[in-house]
Protein backbone atom coordinates (compact mmCIF):
# COMPACT_ATOMS: atom_id res chain seq x y z
CA MET A 1 132.07 30.20 -73.90
CA VAL A 2 133.07 28.69 -77.25
CA GLY A 3 135.35 31.67 -77.97
CA SER A 4 137.05 31.44 -74.59
CA ARG A 5 137.51 27.68 -74.94
CA ARG A 6 139.00 28.13 -78.42
CA THR A 7 141.33 30.87 -77.09
CA LEU A 8 142.42 28.60 -74.26
CA LEU A 9 143.05 25.70 -76.66
CA ILE A 10 145.05 27.90 -79.02
CA ALA A 11 147.14 29.23 -76.14
CA PHE A 12 147.72 25.72 -74.78
CA ALA A 13 148.62 24.47 -78.26
CA GLY A 14 151.22 27.24 -78.54
CA LEU A 15 152.72 26.31 -75.19
CA ALA A 16 152.74 22.63 -76.10
CA ALA A 17 154.39 23.35 -79.45
CA ALA A 18 157.04 25.45 -77.72
CA ALA A 19 157.68 22.63 -75.24
CA VAL A 20 158.09 20.11 -78.05
CA ALA A 21 160.47 22.39 -79.92
CA ALA A 22 162.61 22.85 -76.80
CA PRO A 23 165.72 20.66 -76.47
CA GLY A 24 164.97 17.36 -74.77
CA PHE A 25 161.27 17.40 -75.63
CA GLY A 26 161.26 15.39 -78.81
CA GLY A 27 161.67 18.21 -81.33
CA ASP A 28 160.61 17.50 -84.89
CA ALA A 29 160.13 13.76 -84.27
CA SER A 30 157.00 14.36 -82.16
CA THR A 31 153.45 15.21 -83.08
CA ILE A 32 151.02 16.64 -80.53
CA GLN A 33 147.31 16.84 -81.05
CA LEU A 34 145.13 18.61 -78.57
CA VAL A 35 141.68 17.16 -78.98
CA GLU A 36 139.19 20.02 -79.32
CA THR A 37 136.13 17.82 -79.39
CA ARG A 38 136.17 15.23 -76.69
CA ALA A 39 135.57 12.12 -78.74
CA ALA A 40 134.51 8.99 -76.89
CA ALA A 41 137.41 6.56 -76.62
CA PRO A 42 136.88 3.39 -78.67
CA ASN A 43 136.93 0.09 -76.86
CA PHE A 44 139.81 -2.39 -76.93
CA VAL A 45 138.75 -4.86 -79.64
CA GLY A 46 140.26 -7.92 -81.31
CA ILE A 47 142.74 -8.48 -78.50
CA SER A 48 144.35 -11.92 -78.72
CA LYS A 49 145.92 -11.86 -75.23
CA TRP A 50 146.12 -9.66 -72.14
CA PHE A 51 149.28 -9.48 -70.04
CA ASN A 52 149.41 -8.30 -66.40
CA SER A 53 145.62 -8.02 -66.28
CA ALA A 54 142.28 -9.61 -66.97
CA PRO A 55 140.66 -8.22 -70.15
CA LEU A 56 139.78 -4.54 -69.83
CA SER A 57 137.28 -2.28 -71.56
CA ILE A 58 136.97 1.49 -71.70
CA SER A 59 133.69 1.29 -69.76
CA ASP A 60 135.46 -0.68 -66.98
CA LEU A 61 137.90 2.23 -66.64
CA ARG A 62 135.32 5.03 -66.20
CA GLY A 63 136.29 7.23 -63.28
CA LYS A 64 140.00 6.75 -63.99
CA VAL A 65 142.46 8.71 -66.10
CA VAL A 66 143.73 6.28 -68.74
CA LEU A 67 146.94 6.53 -70.73
CA VAL A 68 146.68 4.28 -73.80
CA ASP A 69 150.13 3.61 -75.26
CA PHE A 70 150.42 2.07 -78.74
CA TRP A 71 153.81 0.42 -79.12
CA THR A 72 155.71 -2.61 -80.32
CA TYR A 73 158.83 -4.07 -78.76
CA GLY A 74 160.75 -4.10 -82.06
CA CYS A 75 160.41 -0.33 -82.54
CA TYR A 76 163.43 1.65 -81.36
CA ASN A 77 161.38 4.79 -80.67
CA CYS A 78 158.77 2.78 -78.76
CA VAL A 79 161.44 1.24 -76.55
CA ASN A 80 162.75 4.74 -75.83
CA THR A 81 159.34 5.76 -74.43
CA LEU A 82 158.90 2.75 -72.15
CA PRO A 83 160.87 4.14 -69.16
CA TYR A 84 158.80 7.32 -69.30
CA VAL A 85 155.47 5.45 -69.52
CA THR A 86 156.55 3.07 -66.74
CA LYS A 87 157.55 6.00 -64.53
CA LEU A 88 154.17 7.69 -65.08
CA TYR A 89 152.44 4.44 -64.15
CA ASP A 90 154.55 3.95 -61.03
CA THR A 91 154.05 7.57 -59.93
CA TYR A 92 150.30 7.87 -60.49
CA LYS A 93 148.78 4.36 -60.37
CA ASP A 94 147.64 4.86 -56.77
CA LYS A 95 146.14 8.26 -57.63
CA GLY A 96 143.75 7.10 -60.35
CA LEU A 97 145.93 6.61 -63.46
CA VAL A 98 145.64 3.41 -65.45
CA VAL A 99 148.13 2.72 -68.21
CA VAL A 100 147.10 0.30 -70.94
CA GLY A 101 149.76 -0.72 -73.42
CA ILE A 102 148.48 -1.77 -76.82
CA HIS A 103 151.17 -3.93 -78.40
CA THR A 104 150.44 -3.79 -82.13
CA PRO A 105 153.13 -5.64 -84.11
CA GLU A 106 154.76 -4.19 -87.17
CA PHE A 107 156.66 -7.37 -88.12
CA PRO A 108 155.64 -11.06 -87.98
CA PHE A 109 158.10 -11.96 -85.18
CA GLU A 110 156.42 -9.38 -82.92
CA ARG A 111 153.20 -11.45 -82.98
CA SER A 112 154.63 -14.08 -80.64
CA ALA A 113 153.09 -13.91 -77.16
CA GLY A 114 156.32 -15.36 -75.76
CA ASN A 115 158.34 -12.56 -77.33
CA VAL A 116 155.94 -9.93 -75.99
CA GLN A 117 156.11 -11.49 -72.51
CA ALA A 118 159.92 -11.46 -72.64
CA ALA A 119 159.87 -7.78 -73.67
CA LEU A 120 157.56 -6.92 -70.75
CA LYS A 121 159.96 -8.62 -68.36
CA ARG A 122 163.04 -7.03 -69.98
CA HIS A 123 161.53 -3.53 -69.67
CA GLY A 124 159.94 -4.00 -66.23
CA ILE A 125 156.40 -3.42 -67.50
CA THR A 126 153.78 -4.36 -64.92
CA TYR A 127 150.81 -2.37 -66.24
CA PRO A 128 148.16 -4.06 -68.43
CA VAL A 129 149.23 -4.77 -72.01
CA ALA A 130 146.91 -5.97 -74.77
CA GLN A 131 148.28 -7.95 -77.70
CA ASP A 132 146.62 -6.43 -80.78
CA ASN A 133 147.99 -8.81 -83.45
CA ASP A 134 145.30 -8.02 -86.03
CA SER A 135 145.48 -4.24 -85.47
CA ALA A 136 141.78 -4.15 -84.54
CA THR A 137 142.24 -1.76 -81.63
CA TRP A 138 144.82 0.22 -83.65
CA ASN A 139 142.18 0.67 -86.39
CA ALA A 140 139.34 1.41 -83.94
CA TRP A 141 141.43 4.24 -82.49
CA ARG A 142 142.45 5.36 -86.01
CA ASN A 143 146.02 5.27 -84.85
CA GLN A 144 148.79 5.75 -87.39
CA TYR A 145 152.05 5.83 -85.43
CA TRP A 146 154.39 3.88 -83.18
CA PRO A 147 154.66 5.05 -80.47
CA ALA A 148 151.46 6.97 -79.83
CA GLN A 149 149.82 7.91 -76.56
CA TYR A 150 146.23 8.92 -75.86
CA ILE A 151 144.87 10.29 -72.59
CA VAL A 152 141.29 9.36 -71.77
CA ASP A 153 139.54 11.34 -69.05
CA GLN A 154 137.34 9.97 -66.27
CA HIS A 155 134.27 10.17 -68.53
CA GLY A 156 135.79 7.98 -71.26
CA ASN A 157 136.69 10.80 -73.65
CA ILE A 158 139.99 11.25 -75.46
CA VAL A 159 141.35 14.61 -74.32
CA PHE A 160 144.94 14.47 -75.58
CA SER A 161 147.03 12.55 -78.07
CA HIS A 162 150.69 12.46 -78.93
CA ALA A 163 152.73 10.59 -81.50
CA GLY A 164 156.48 10.29 -81.21
CA GLU A 165 159.17 9.52 -78.75
CA TYR A 166 158.60 11.92 -75.90
CA ASP A 167 156.23 14.55 -74.68
CA GLU A 168 155.50 16.29 -71.42
CA ILE A 169 152.09 14.66 -70.91
CA GLU A 170 152.52 14.31 -67.17
CA ARG A 171 151.06 17.80 -66.73
CA THR A 172 147.81 16.70 -68.40
CA VAL A 173 147.63 13.53 -66.28
CA ARG A 174 148.21 15.54 -63.09
CA ARG A 175 145.56 18.12 -64.04
CA LEU A 176 142.93 15.43 -64.66
CA LEU A 177 143.78 13.54 -61.47
CA ASN A 178 143.70 16.75 -59.41
CA ALA A 179 140.29 17.66 -60.84
CA ALA A 180 138.94 14.28 -59.74
CA ASN A 181 140.54 14.38 -56.30
CA GLY A 182 140.18 18.14 -55.65
């Protein structure tokens, strides 16, 4: 079983790499990591404010597919991903997908809750967003990039991660949702 799983992961990694290298899929600016060991997703910690939601925890979201999106409104590449993330949320929120934005500021002016709220309004973001001003959740997730997306399965395990502007992660979301609803 381990050999067949490894073969499947290698094949999927090759397909994913080919998709990223294809025009319109982010090219060299993107990094994909298929998570071979399903590590438990860390909790959201050190959050100074929640927007569009009461405080959430990973355990509250068990049974759902969760897309965790690390971003900041002052990052050009992050802003480029927001329409894609918003579209995923709008398409799959009624099918079991939860999107949680983790706004981790890079610059001091991005720490203002008023500025974050204005950015949410400007970009039409209605999904939950956590303000991670002290980078506590960023550090708990061992994140290193803006933007970065992680997919957490229904059991609370990270099954996919991506850093960069764009990636075809919708296929992974659909597969997980279909497995739960099939």
